[in-house]
Amino acid sequence: TTDGGTKKQGRMEYESAFALGSLVGVGDPNAVIRASTFCDEMGMDTISAGATIAWAMESFERGLITLADTGGIDLRFGNAEAVIECLQMIAKRDGIGNLLAEGSLRAARSVGGGSDAWAMQVKGLEMPGYEPRSLKTMALGLAVSTKGACHNRSSAYEADFSARVDRFSADDARGQITMDGEDFSAVLDSLIWCKFLRKAFDDFYGESASVFQQITGYPITPDELKLAGERINNMKKLFNIREGWVRDDDTLPGRALSENLVDGVGKGVGLSHDDLDMMIASYYRVRGWTFEGDIPASKLEELGLDMIVQNAETTNV
């Protein structure tokens, strides 16, 4: 790409191509690379940036955001220069960038007019480039993720891309698959290993325990390592419970639950509230949580987390 006469080299990455390309209607690869490179230089997340701009574009086309709000920027889908300008304004928190820097959920709450309906986020985190209506395990993974719509918390899409499940239909086996993926991912993160190593092991927990022991000298069994992943995800859930998150927060945007896909291999496929609720219930069940998503004392004791909760209550943390 050329920026002000200076040649720059960039690369195309899937999530960035999705969020700063197709999601905002931009088909020029050079424009996508420019936008992605700018985000990298500014330390901005490309998924959240692109999804928030997409929300703003739909709001603009629906008349909720005007030219006066954008400072004269024609914020319609497909305008590559508008995407670049918005990113620059977000980085400076200048003009409409000050609103968009808050993310799509807060921006929608500020603008109103029902614009939260097209703020594609979960728990305030914008959704990645995996279609939940045609990837049912991924749908569950995004809904129950403790940090919001993060595909890396469970890598649940891997099951959908395999022959293990029918990705177009929902069933109660997805709870176990999602839990296993979350615990596996938590261990990978804790070992500070790249998730792209996930297919490099014949026996992940066995080999990981061996490597851990050789590096640290600390004895640990494969089962203990696997338990560590479960403990981590329960601790994350405890944090969310303490901060007031409830079962209703484990969900997907209304659009994903009310509109079917209109084209592609998944044409006509949708995801109902009932199907998502069924999968969430299966996930809570295999986690050993209550129907409402709370963690019973017996489960905390089983995981050795009961003393942590007691100490937190004693110190009002």
C-alpha atoms as a PDB file:
ATOM      1  CA  THR A   1       0.000   0.000   0.000  1.00  0.00           C
ATOM      2  CA  THR A   2       1.060   3.600  -0.463  1.00  0.00           C
ATOM      3  CA  ASP A   3       0.478   6.168   2.254  1.00  0.00           C
ATOM      4  CA  GLY A   4       1.552   9.715   1.473  1.00  0.00           C
ATOM      5  CA  GLY A   5       4.079   8.521  -1.070  1.00  0.00           C
ATOM      6  CA  THR A   6       5.633   6.050   1.358  1.00  0.00           C
ATOM      7  CA  LYS A   7       5.386   2.380   0.509  1.00  0.00           C
ATOM      8  CA  LYS A   8       4.254   0.165   3.351  1.00  0.00           C
ATOM      9  CA  GLN A   9       3.981  -3.571   3.569  1.00  0.00           C
ATOM     10  CA  GLY A  10       1.030  -5.200   5.301  1.00  0.00           C
ATOM     11  CA  ARG A  11      -0.607  -8.585   5.469  1.00  0.00           C
ATOM     12  CA  MET A  12      -4.147  -9.839   5.200  1.00  0.00           C
ATOM     13  CA  GLU A  13      -5.462 -11.698   8.250  1.00  0.00           C
ATOM     14  CA  TYR A  14      -8.830 -13.438   8.336  1.00  0.00           C
ATOM     15  CA  GLU A  15     -10.549 -11.614  11.187  1.00  0.00           C
ATOM     16  CA  SER A  16      -9.258  -8.240   9.988  1.00  0.00           C
ATOM     17  CA  ALA A  17     -10.364  -8.983   6.419  1.00  0.00           C
ATOM     18  CA  PHE A  18     -13.802  -9.853   7.776  1.00  0.00           C
ATOM     19  CA  ALA A  19     -14.224  -6.902  10.127  1.00  0.00           C
ATOM     20  CA  LEU A  20     -12.634  -4.195   7.970  1.00  0.00           C
ATOM     21  CA  GLY A  21     -13.710  -5.712   4.658  1.00  0.00           C
ATOM     22  CA  SER A  22     -16.901  -7.665   4.101  1.00  0.00           C
ATOM     23  CA  LEU A  23     -18.571  -6.521   7.324  1.00  0.00           C
ATOM     24  CA  VAL A  24     -18.348  -2.865   6.273  1.00  0.00           C
ATOM     25  CA  GLY A  25     -18.908  -3.620   2.590  1.00  0.00           C
ATOM     26  CA  VAL A  26     -15.343  -2.899   1.467  1.00  0.00           C
ATOM     27  CA  GLY A  27     -13.973  -5.178  -1.248  1.00  0.00           C
ATOM     28  CA  ASP A  28     -10.685  -3.439  -2.039  1.00  0.00           C
ATOM     29  CA  PRO A  29      -7.880  -5.525  -0.472  1.00  0.00           C
ATOM     30  CA  ASN A  30      -5.508  -2.556  -0.371  1.00  0.00           C
ATOM     31  CA  ALA A  31      -8.069  -0.541   1.583  1.00  0.00           C
ATOM     32  CA  VAL A  32      -8.511  -3.417   4.033  1.00  0.00           C
ATOM     33  CA  ILE A  33      -4.749  -3.713   4.498  1.00  0.00           C
ATOM     34  CA  ARG A  34      -4.482   0.049   5.086  1.00  0.00           C
ATOM     35  CA  ALA A  35      -7.207  -0.112   7.713  1.00  0.00           C
ATOM     36  CA  SER A  36      -5.738  -3.194   9.370  1.00  0.00           C
ATOM     37  CA  THR A  37      -2.218  -1.752   9.410  1.00  0.00           C
ATOM     38  CA  PHE A  38      -3.505   1.457  10.992  1.00  0.00           C
ATOM     39  CA  CYS A  39      -5.235  -0.542  13.727  1.00  0.00           C
ATOM     40  CA  ASP A  40      -2.025  -2.478  14.359  1.00  0.00           C
ATOM     41  CA  GLU A  41      -0.029   0.732  14.625  1.00  0.00           C
ATOM     42  CA  MET A  42      -2.565   2.254  17.008  1.00  0.00           C
ATOM     43  CA  GLY A  43      -3.008  -0.883  19.111  1.00  0.00           C
ATOM     44  CA  MET A  44      -6.685  -1.122  18.164  1.00  0.00           C
ATOM     45  CA  ASP A  45      -8.570  -4.401  17.894  1.00  0.00           C
ATOM     46  CA  THR A  46      -9.649  -4.861  14.294  1.00  0.00           C
ATOM     47  CA  ILE A  47     -12.738  -6.922  15.138  1.00  0.00           C
ATOM     48  CA  SER A  48     -14.221  -4.435  17.587  1.00  0.00           C
ATOM     49  CA  ALA A  49     -13.228  -1.477  15.414  1.00  0.00           C
ATOM     50  CA  GLY A  50     -14.782  -2.903  12.259  1.00  0.00           C
ATOM     51  CA  ALA A  51     -17.937  -4.161  13.961  1.00  0.00           C
ATOM     52  CA  THR A  52     -18.477  -0.819  15.680  1.00  0.00           C
ATOM     53  CA  ILE A  53     -18.039   1.047  12.405  1.00  0.00           C
ATOM     54  CA  ALA A  54     -20.498  -1.392  10.787  1.00  0.00           C
ATOM     55  CA  TRP A  55     -22.979  -0.529  13.535  1.00  0.00           C
ATOM     56  CA  ALA A  56     -22.426   3.168  12.789  1.00  0.00           C
ATOM     57  CA  MET A  57     -22.911   2.590   9.065  1.00  0.00           C
ATOM     58  CA  GLU A  58     -26.240   0.880   9.591  1.00  0.00           C
ATOM     59  CA  SER A  59     -27.266   3.638  11.990  1.00  0.00           C
ATOM     60  CA  PHE A  60     -26.278   6.205   9.350  1.00  0.00           C
ATOM     61  CA  GLU A  61     -28.242   4.486   6.602  1.00  0.00           C
ATOM     62  CA  ARG A  62     -31.248   4.287   8.932  1.00  0.00           C
ATOM     63  CA  GLY A  63     -30.998   8.014   9.703  1.00  0.00           C
ATOM     64  CA  LEU A  64     -30.046   7.751  13.372  1.00  0.00           C
ATOM     65  CA  ILE A  65     -26.575   9.145  12.670  1.00  0.00           C
ATOM     66  CA  THR A  66     -26.380  12.138  10.320  1.00  0.00           C
ATOM     67  CA  LEU A  67     -23.759  13.996   8.304  1.00  0.00           C
ATOM     68  CA  ALA A  68     -23.715  16.554  11.091  1.00  0.00           C
ATOM     69  CA  ASP A  69     -22.765  13.785  13.526  1.00  0.00           C
ATOM     70  CA  THR A  70     -20.034  12.396  11.273  1.00  0.00           C
ATOM     71  CA  GLY A  71     -18.495  15.744  10.396  1.00  0.00           C
ATOM     72  CA  GLY A  72     -19.511  15.349   6.779  1.00  0.00           C
ATOM     73  CA  ILE A  73     -18.327  11.751   6.340  1.00  0.00           C
ATOM     74  CA  ASP A  74     -20.601   9.726   4.057  1.00  0.00           C
ATOM     75  CA  LEU A  75     -20.803   6.740   6.391  1.00  0.00           C
ATOM     76  CA  ARG A  76     -22.505   4.293   4.069  1.00  0.00           C
ATOM     77  CA  PHE A  77     -21.497   0.667   3.654  1.00  0.00           C
ATOM     78  CA  GLY A  78     -18.754   0.229   1.064  1.00  0.00           C
ATOM     79  CA  ASN A  79     -17.056   3.591   1.611  1.00  0.00           C
ATOM     80  CA  ALA A  80     -13.463   2.529   2.253  1.00  0.00           C
ATOM     81  CA  GLU A  81     -12.223   6.057   2.918  1.00  0.00           C
ATOM     82  CA  ALA A  82     -14.951   6.528   5.511  1.00  0.00           C
ATOM     83  CA  VAL A  83     -13.649   3.461   7.348  1.00  0.00           C
ATOM     84  CA  ILE A  84     -10.117   4.901   7.401  1.00  0.00           C
ATOM     85  CA  GLU A  85     -11.387   8.290   8.569  1.00  0.00           C
ATOM     86  CA  CYS A  86     -13.437   6.700  11.340  1.00  0.00           C
ATOM     87  CA  LEU A  87     -10.457   4.673  12.539  1.00  0.00           C
ATOM     88  CA  GLN A  88      -8.336   7.811  12.683  1.00  0.00           C
ATOM     89  CA  MET A  89     -11.044   9.645  14.616  1.00  0.00           C
ATOM     90  CA  ILE A  90     -11.452   6.716  17.012  1.00  0.00           C
ATOM     91  CA  ALA A  91      -7.716   6.748  17.714  1.00  0.00           C
ATOM     92  CA  LYS A  92      -7.882  10.469  18.538  1.00  0.00           C
ATOM     93  CA  ARG A  93     -11.341  10.280  20.144  1.00  0.00           C
ATOM     94  CA  ASP A  94     -12.191  13.127  17.809  1.00  0.00           C
ATOM     95  CA  GLY A  95     -15.703  13.933  16.589  1.00  0.00           C
ATOM     96  CA  ILE A  96     -17.796  10.814  16.069  1.00  0.00           C
ATOM     97  CA  GLY A  97     -14.680   8.818  16.939  1.00  0.00           C
ATOM     98  CA  ASN A  98     -15.267   9.710  20.570  1.00  0.00           C
ATOM     99  CA  LEU A  99     -18.581   7.850  20.433  1.00  0.00           C
ATOM    100  CA  LEU A 100     -17.282   4.885  18.434  1.00  0.00           C
ATOM    101  CA  ALA A 101     -14.274   4.468  20.721  1.00  0.00           C
ATOM    102  CA  GLU A 102     -16.748   3.281  23.363  1.00  0.00           C
ATOM    103  CA  GLY A 103     -17.677   0.235  21.280  1.00  0.00           C
ATOM    104  CA  SER A 104     -20.985  -0.706  19.695  1.00  0.00           C
ATOM    105  CA  LEU A 105     -22.926  -1.487  22.885  1.00  0.00           C
ATOM    106  CA  ARG A 106     -22.246   1.817  24.629  1.00  0.00           C
ATOM    107  CA  ALA A 107     -22.580   3.722  21.367  1.00  0.00           C
ATOM    108  CA  ALA A 108     -25.988   2.139  20.754  1.00  0.00           C
ATOM    109  CA  ARG A 109     -27.124   3.032  24.246  1.00  0.00           C
ATOM    110  CA  SER A 110     -26.069   6.620  23.593  1.00  0.00           C
ATOM    111  CA  VAL A 111     -27.711   6.937  20.168  1.00  0.00           C
ATOM    112  CA  GLY A 112     -30.844   4.958  21.074  1.00  0.00           C
ATOM    113  CA  GLY A 113     -33.551   4.489  18.468  1.00  0.00           C
ATOM    114  CA  GLY A 114     -33.370   0.728  18.823  1.00  0.00           C
ATOM    115  CA  SER A 115     -29.845   0.685  17.394  1.00  0.00           C
ATOM    116  CA  ASP A 116     -28.806  -1.938  19.924  1.00  0.00           C
ATOM    117  CA  ALA A 117     -30.603  -4.395  17.601  1.00  0.00           C
ATOM    118  CA  TRP A 118     -27.704  -4.194  15.139  1.00  0.00           C
ATOM    119  CA  ALA A 119     -24.914  -3.854  17.706  1.00  0.00           C
ATOM    120  CA  MET A 120     -23.478  -7.316  17.120  1.00  0.00           C
ATOM    121  CA  GLN A 121     -21.833  -7.968  20.463  1.00  0.00           C
ATOM    122  CA  VAL A 122     -21.984 -10.254  23.477  1.00  0.00           C
ATOM    123  CA  LYS A 123     -21.355  -8.774  26.918  1.00  0.00           C
ATOM    124  CA  GLY A 124     -19.980  -5.675  25.208  1.00  0.00           C
ATOM    125  CA  LEU A 125     -17.426  -7.470  23.023  1.00  0.00           C
ATOM    126  CA  GLU A 126     -18.036  -7.379  19.281  1.00  0.00           C
ATOM    127  CA  MET A 127     -18.558 -10.655  17.428  1.00  0.00           C
ATOM    128  CA  PRO A 128     -15.826 -12.264  15.301  1.00  0.00           C
ATOM    129  CA  GLY A 129     -16.160 -13.603  11.776  1.00  0.00           C
ATOM    130  CA  TYR A 130     -17.904 -16.874  12.606  1.00  0.00           C
ATOM    131  CA  GLU A 131     -21.596 -17.065  11.743  1.00  0.00           C
ATOM    132  CA  PRO A 132     -23.367 -18.470  14.839  1.00  0.00           C
ATOM    133  CA  ARG A 133     -26.535 -19.413  12.996  1.00  0.00           C
ATOM    134  CA  SER A 134     -24.707 -21.947  10.824  1.00  0.00           C
ATOM    135  CA  LEU A 135     -22.091 -22.864  13.444  1.00  0.00           C
ATOM    136  CA  LYS A 136     -24.183 -24.026  16.369  1.00  0.00           C
ATOM    137  CA  THR A 137     -21.304 -25.043  18.671  1.00  0.00           C
ATOM    138  CA  MET A 138     -19.682 -21.682  18.043  1.00  0.00           C
ATOM    139  CA  ALA A 139     -22.989 -20.017  18.878  1.00  0.00           C
ATOM    140  CA  LEU A 140     -22.910 -21.609  22.317  1.00  0.00           C
ATOM    141  CA  GLY A 141     -19.232 -20.796  22.796  1.00  0.00           C
ATOM    142  CA  LEU A 142     -19.828 -17.123  22.033  1.00  0.00           C
ATOM    143  CA  ALA A 143     -22.914 -16.916  24.250  1.00  0.00           C
ATOM    144  CA  VAL A 144     -21.377 -18.406  27.403  1.00  0.00           C
ATOM    145  CA  SER A 145     -17.884 -16.954  27.051  1.00  0.00           C
ATOM    146  CA  THR A 146     -17.059 -15.043  30.219  1.00  0.00           C
ATOM    147  CA  LYS A 147     -15.410 -12.200  28.280  1.00  0.00           C
ATOM    148  CA  GLY A 148     -18.060 -11.893  25.598  1.00  0.00           C
ATOM    149  CA  ALA A 149     -17.978 -12.837  21.919  1.00  0.00           C
ATOM    150  CA  CYS A 150     -14.446 -14.218  21.787  1.00  0.00           C
ATOM    151  CA  HIS A 151     -13.795 -17.144  19.442  1.00  0.00           C
ATOM    152  CA  ASN A 152     -10.518 -17.936  21.215  1.00  0.00           C
ATOM    153  CA  ARG A 153     -12.103 -18.754  24.584  1.00  0.00           C
ATOM    154  CA  SER A 154     -13.391 -22.120  23.371  1.00  0.00           C
ATOM    155  CA  SER A 155     -12.400 -22.565  19.709  1.00  0.00           C
ATOM    156  CA  ALA A 156     -15.839 -24.182  19.454  1.00  0.00           C
ATOM    157  CA  TYR A 157     -15.933 -23.574  15.718  1.00  0.00           C
ATOM    158  CA  GLU A 158     -13.480 -26.459  15.282  1.00  0.00           C
ATOM    159  CA  ALA A 159     -16.215 -28.960  16.105  1.00  0.00           C
ATOM    160  CA  ASP A 160     -18.530 -27.303  13.594  1.00  0.00           C
ATOM    161  CA  PHE A 161     -15.907 -27.505  10.866  1.00  0.00           C
ATOM    162  CA  SER A 162     -15.363 -31.213  11.556  1.00  0.00           C
ATOM    163  CA  ALA A 163     -17.550 -34.276  11.085  1.00  0.00           C
ATOM    164  CA  ARG A 164     -18.266 -34.473  14.838  1.00  0.00           C
ATOM    165  CA  VAL A 165     -21.516 -32.527  14.627  1.00  0.00           C
ATOM    166  CA  ASP A 166     -24.062 -31.182  12.180  1.00  0.00           C
ATOM    167  CA  ARG A 167     -23.182 -27.507  12.290  1.00  0.00           C
ATOM    168  CA  PHE A 168     -26.614 -26.456  11.039  1.00  0.00           C
ATOM    169  CA  SER A 169     -28.590 -28.044  13.896  1.00  0.00           C
ATOM    170  CA  ALA A 170     -28.475 -27.745  17.687  1.00  0.00           C
ATOM    171  CA  ASP A 171     -28.275 -30.562  20.240  1.00  0.00           C
ATOM    172  CA  ASP A 172     -27.357 -31.010  23.889  1.00  0.00           C
ATOM    173  CA  ALA A 173     -23.951 -32.541  23.089  1.00  0.00           C
ATOM    174  CA  ARG A 174     -22.616 -29.038  22.439  1.00  0.00           C
ATOM    175  CA  GLY A 175     -22.317 -28.282  26.158  1.00  0.00           C
ATOM    176  CA  GLN A 176     -19.594 -30.878  26.705  1.00  0.00           C
ATOM    177  CA  ILE A 177     -17.773 -29.892  23.525  1.00  0.00           C
ATOM    178  CA  THR A 178     -17.764 -26.228  24.509  1.00  0.00           C
ATOM    179  CA  MET A 179     -16.654 -26.936  28.071  1.00  0.00           C
ATOM    180  CA  ASP A 180     -13.792 -29.124  26.876  1.00  0.00           C
ATOM    181  CA  GLY A 181     -12.716 -26.432  24.425  1.00  0.00           C
ATOM    182  CA  GLU A 182     -12.785 -23.731  27.096  1.00  0.00           C
ATOM    183  CA  ASP A 183     -10.721 -25.751  29.565  1.00  0.00           C
ATOM    184  CA  PHE A 184      -8.262 -26.747  26.848  1.00  0.00           C
ATOM    185  CA  SER A 185      -7.882 -23.108  25.769  1.00  0.00           C
ATOM    186  CA  ALA A 186      -7.381 -21.971  29.365  1.00  0.00           C
ATOM    187  CA  VAL A 187      -4.500 -24.411  29.801  1.00  0.00           C
ATOM    188  CA  LEU A 188      -2.934 -23.320  26.507  1.00  0.00           C
ATOM    189  CA  ASP A 189      -3.124 -19.684  27.602  1.00  0.00           C
ATOM    190  CA  SER A 190      -1.700 -20.474  31.030  1.00  0.00           C
ATOM    191  CA  LEU A 191       1.258 -22.264  29.466  1.00  0.00           C
ATOM    192  CA  ILE A 192       1.691 -19.177  27.260  1.00  0.00           C
ATOM    193  CA  TRP A 193       1.494 -21.321  24.144  1.00  0.00           C
ATOM    194  CA  CYS A 194       0.105 -20.148  20.831  1.00  0.00           C
ATOM    195  CA  LYS A 195      -3.313 -21.618  20.125  1.00  0.00           C
ATOM    196  CA  PHE A 196      -2.130 -22.665  16.682  1.00  0.00           C
ATOM    197  CA  LEU A 197      -0.170 -25.384  18.463  1.00  0.00           C
ATOM    198  CA  ARG A 198      -3.435 -27.036  19.453  1.00  0.00           C
ATOM    199  CA  LYS A 199      -3.231 -29.654  16.703  1.00  0.00           C
ATOM    200  CA  ALA A 200       0.439 -30.437  17.270  1.00  0.00           C
ATOM    201  CA  PHE A 201      -0.150 -32.943  20.094  1.00  0.00           C
ATOM    202  CA  ASP A 202      -1.171 -36.585  20.080  1.00  0.00           C
ATOM    203  CA  ASP A 203      -1.911 -36.363  23.820  1.00  0.00           C
ATOM    204  CA  PHE A 204      -2.219 -32.700  24.753  1.00  0.00           C
ATOM    205  CA  TYR A 205      -2.525 -32.998  28.528  1.00  0.00           C
ATOM    206  CA  GLY A 206       0.036 -35.792  28.803  1.00  0.00           C
ATOM    207  CA  GLU A 207       2.642 -34.071  26.655  1.00  0.00           C
ATOM    208  CA  SER A 208       1.954 -30.669  28.218  1.00  0.00           C
ATOM    209  CA  ALA A 209       2.372 -32.055  31.727  1.00  0.00           C
ATOM    210  CA  SER A 210       5.694 -33.593  30.698  1.00  0.00           C
ATOM    211  CA  VAL A 211       6.969 -30.326  29.196  1.00  0.00           C
ATOM    212  CA  PHE A 212       5.772 -28.365  32.238  1.00  0.00           C
ATOM    213  CA  GLN A 213       7.642 -30.677  34.607  1.00  0.00           C
ATOM    214  CA  GLN A 214      10.841 -30.538  32.575  1.00  0.00           C
ATOM    215  CA  ILE A 215      10.820 -26.737  32.477  1.00  0.00           C
ATOM    216  CA  THR A 216       9.699 -25.974  36.031  1.00  0.00           C
ATOM    217  CA  GLY A 217      10.673 -29.083  37.967  1.00  0.00           C
ATOM    218  CA  TYR A 218       7.175 -29.022  39.465  1.00  0.00           C
ATOM    219  CA  PRO A 219       5.429 -32.415  39.342  1.00  0.00           C
ATOM    220  CA  ILE A 220       2.000 -32.342  37.737  1.00  0.00           C
ATOM    221  CA  THR A 221      -0.164 -35.056  36.212  1.00  0.00           C
ATOM    222  CA  PRO A 222      -2.243 -34.750  33.036  1.00  0.00           C
ATOM    223  CA  ASP A 223      -5.424 -34.899  35.138  1.00  0.00           C
ATOM    224  CA  GLU A 224      -4.175 -32.084  37.381  1.00  0.00           C
ATOM    225  CA  LEU A 225      -3.401 -29.969  34.349  1.00  0.00           C
ATOM    226  CA  LYS A 226      -6.862 -30.598  32.938  1.00  0.00           C
ATOM    227  CA  LEU A 227      -8.384 -29.722  36.312  1.00  0.00           C
ATOM    228  CA  ALA A 228      -6.447 -26.444  36.239  1.00  0.00           C
ATOM    229  CA  GLY A 229      -8.293 -25.486  33.061  1.00  0.00           C
ATOM    230  CA  GLU A 230     -11.630 -26.196  34.709  1.00  0.00           C
ATOM    231  CA  ARG A 231     -10.651 -24.206  37.799  1.00  0.00           C
ATOM    232  CA  ILE A 232      -9.643 -21.241  35.649  1.00  0.00           C
ATOM    233  CA  ASN A 233     -12.990 -21.111  33.858  1.00  0.00           C
ATOM    234  CA  ASN A 234     -14.910 -21.427  37.107  1.00  0.00           C
ATOM    235  CA  MET A 235     -12.874 -18.569  38.567  1.00  0.00           C
ATOM    236  CA  LYS A 236     -13.764 -16.439  35.541  1.00  0.00           C
ATOM    237  CA  LYS A 237     -17.425 -17.290  36.061  1.00  0.00           C
ATOM    238  CA  LEU A 238     -17.156 -16.404  39.753  1.00  0.00           C
ATOM    239  CA  PHE A 239     -15.823 -12.990  38.781  1.00  0.00           C
ATOM    240  CA  ASN A 240     -18.763 -12.399  36.442  1.00  0.00           C
ATOM    241  CA  ILE A 241     -21.238 -13.534  39.098  1.00  0.00           C
ATOM    242  CA  ARG A 242     -19.675 -11.161  41.609  1.00  0.00           C
ATOM    243  CA  GLU A 243     -19.995  -8.318  39.097  1.00  0.00           C
ATOM    244  CA  GLY A 244     -23.705  -8.982  38.588  1.00  0.00           C
ATOM    245  CA  TRP A 245     -23.793 -11.021  35.381  1.00  0.00           C
ATOM    246  CA  VAL A 246     -26.746 -13.428  35.196  1.00  0.00           C
ATOM    247  CA  ARG A 247     -28.050 -16.139  32.863  1.00  0.00           C
ATOM    248  CA  ASP A 248     -29.713 -13.591  30.601  1.00  0.00           C
ATOM    249  CA  ASP A 249     -26.263 -12.193  29.797  1.00  0.00           C
ATOM    250  CA  ASP A 250     -25.265 -15.551  28.294  1.00  0.00           C
ATOM    251  CA  THR A 251     -26.946 -14.915  24.975  1.00  0.00           C
ATOM    252  CA  LEU A 252     -26.456 -13.641  21.440  1.00  0.00           C
ATOM    253  CA  PRO A 253     -27.652 -10.468  19.711  1.00  0.00           C
ATOM    254  CA  GLY A 254     -31.343 -10.452  18.874  1.00  0.00           C
ATOM    255  CA  ARG A 255     -30.627 -10.353  15.155  1.00  0.00           C
ATOM    256  CA  ALA A 256     -28.786 -13.682  15.352  1.00  0.00           C
ATOM    257  CA  LEU A 257     -31.813 -15.229  17.066  1.00  0.00           C
ATOM    258  CA  SER A 258     -34.551 -13.771  14.895  1.00  0.00           C
ATOM    259  CA  GLU A 259     -33.279 -13.600  11.314  1.00  0.00           C
ATOM    260  CA  ASN A 260     -32.368 -16.573   9.118  1.00  0.00           C
ATOM    261  CA  LEU A 261     -29.422 -16.567   6.735  1.00  0.00           C
ATOM    262  CA  VAL A 262     -30.433 -15.244   3.324  1.00  0.00           C
ATOM    263  CA  ASP A 263     -27.755 -16.796   1.108  1.00  0.00           C
ATOM    264  CA  GLY A 264     -24.742 -19.096   0.991  1.00  0.00           C
ATOM    265  CA  VAL A 265     -24.548 -22.764   1.994  1.00  0.00           C
ATOM    266  CA  GLY A 266     -26.564 -21.974   5.108  1.00  0.00           C
ATOM    267  CA  LYS A 267     -29.391 -20.207   3.281  1.00  0.00           C
ATOM    268  CA  GLY A 268     -32.566 -20.411   5.343  1.00  0.00           C
ATOM    269  CA  VAL A 269     -30.759 -21.608   8.473  1.00  0.00           C
ATOM    270  CA  GLY A 270     -31.453 -19.808  11.734  1.00  0.00           C
ATOM    271  CA  LEU A 271     -30.962 -20.147  15.466  1.00  0.00           C
ATOM    272  CA  SER A 272     -33.942 -19.942  17.800  1.00  0.00           C
ATOM    273  CA  HIS A 273     -34.014 -18.749  21.395  1.00  0.00           C
ATOM    274  CA  ASP A 274     -35.197 -22.221  22.400  1.00  0.00           C
ATOM    275  CA  ASP A 275     -32.279 -23.978  20.706  1.00  0.00           C
ATOM    276  CA  LEU A 276     -29.752 -21.624  22.257  1.00  0.00           C
ATOM    277  CA  ASP A 277     -31.360 -22.009  25.695  1.00  0.00           C
ATOM    278  CA  MET A 278     -31.230 -25.793  25.318  1.00  0.00           C
ATOM    279  CA  MET A 279     -27.516 -25.702  24.529  1.00  0.00           C
ATOM    280  CA  ILE A 280     -26.814 -23.278  27.375  1.00  0.00           C
ATOM    281  CA  ALA A 281     -28.644 -25.603  29.768  1.00  0.00           C
ATOM    282  CA  SER A 282     -26.502 -28.509  28.570  1.00  0.00           C
ATOM    283  CA  TYR A 283     -23.372 -26.432  29.132  1.00  0.00           C
ATOM    284  CA  TYR A 284     -24.382 -25.435  32.666  1.00  0.00           C
ATOM    285  CA  ARG A 285     -25.217 -29.063  33.393  1.00  0.00           C
ATOM    286  CA  VAL A 286     -21.832 -30.485  32.390  1.00  0.00           C
ATOM    287  CA  ARG A 287     -20.132 -27.643  34.242  1.00  0.00           C
ATOM    288  CA  GLY A 288     -21.974 -28.698  37.386  1.00  0.00           C
ATOM    289  CA  TRP A 289     -23.660 -25.307  37.690  1.00  0.00           C
ATOM    290  CA  THR A 290     -27.267 -24.515  38.525  1.00  0.00           C
ATOM    291  CA  PHE A 291     -29.953 -23.880  35.916  1.00  0.00           C
ATOM    292  CA  GLU A 292     -29.398 -20.146  36.423  1.00  0.00           C
ATOM    293  CA  GLY A 293     -25.665 -20.465  35.892  1.00  0.00           C
ATOM    294  CA  ASP A 294     -24.588 -20.116  39.505  1.00  0.00           C
ATOM    295  CA  ILE A 295     -21.840 -22.330  40.922  1.00  0.00           C
ATOM    296  CA  PRO A 296     -23.005 -24.413  43.911  1.00  0.00           C
ATOM    297  CA  ALA A 297     -20.838 -24.716  47.003  1.00  0.00           C
ATOM    298  CA  SER A 298     -20.309 -28.423  46.347  1.00  0.00           C
ATOM    299  CA  LYS A 299     -18.743 -27.661  42.958  1.00  0.00           C
ATOM    300  CA  LEU A 300     -16.452 -25.038  44.450  1.00  0.00           C
ATOM    301  CA  GLU A 301     -15.354 -27.515  47.088  1.00  0.00           C
ATOM    302  CA  GLU A 302     -14.735 -30.168  44.428  1.00  0.00           C
ATOM    303  CA  LEU A 303     -12.474 -27.731  42.569  1.00  0.00           C
ATOM    304  CA  GLY A 304     -10.735 -26.510  45.709  1.00  0.00           C
ATOM    305  CA  LEU A 305     -12.100 -23.005  45.215  1.00  0.00           C
ATOM    306  CA  ASP A 306     -14.296 -22.811  48.306  1.00  0.00           C
ATOM    307  CA  MET A 307     -11.604 -21.170  50.435  1.00  0.00           C
ATOM    308  CA  ILE A 308     -11.026 -18.498  47.791  1.00  0.00           C
ATOM    309  CA  VAL A 309     -14.682 -17.519  47.909  1.00  0.00           C
ATOM    310  CA  GLN A 310     -14.707 -17.550  51.713  1.00  0.00           C
ATOM    311  CA  ASN A 311     -11.643 -15.314  51.832  1.00  0.00           C
ATOM    312  CA  ALA A 312     -13.194 -12.932  49.323  1.00  0.00           C
ATOM    313  CA  GLU A 313     -16.369 -12.701  51.403  1.00  0.00           C
ATOM    314  CA  THR A 314     -14.356 -12.106  54.573  1.00  0.00           C
ATOM    315  CA  THR A 315     -12.353  -9.271  53.016  1.00  0.00           C
ATOM    316  CA  ASN A 316     -15.309  -7.874  51.020  1.00  0.00           C
ATOM    317  CA  VAL A 317     -13.367  -8.276  47.767  1.00  0.00           C
END
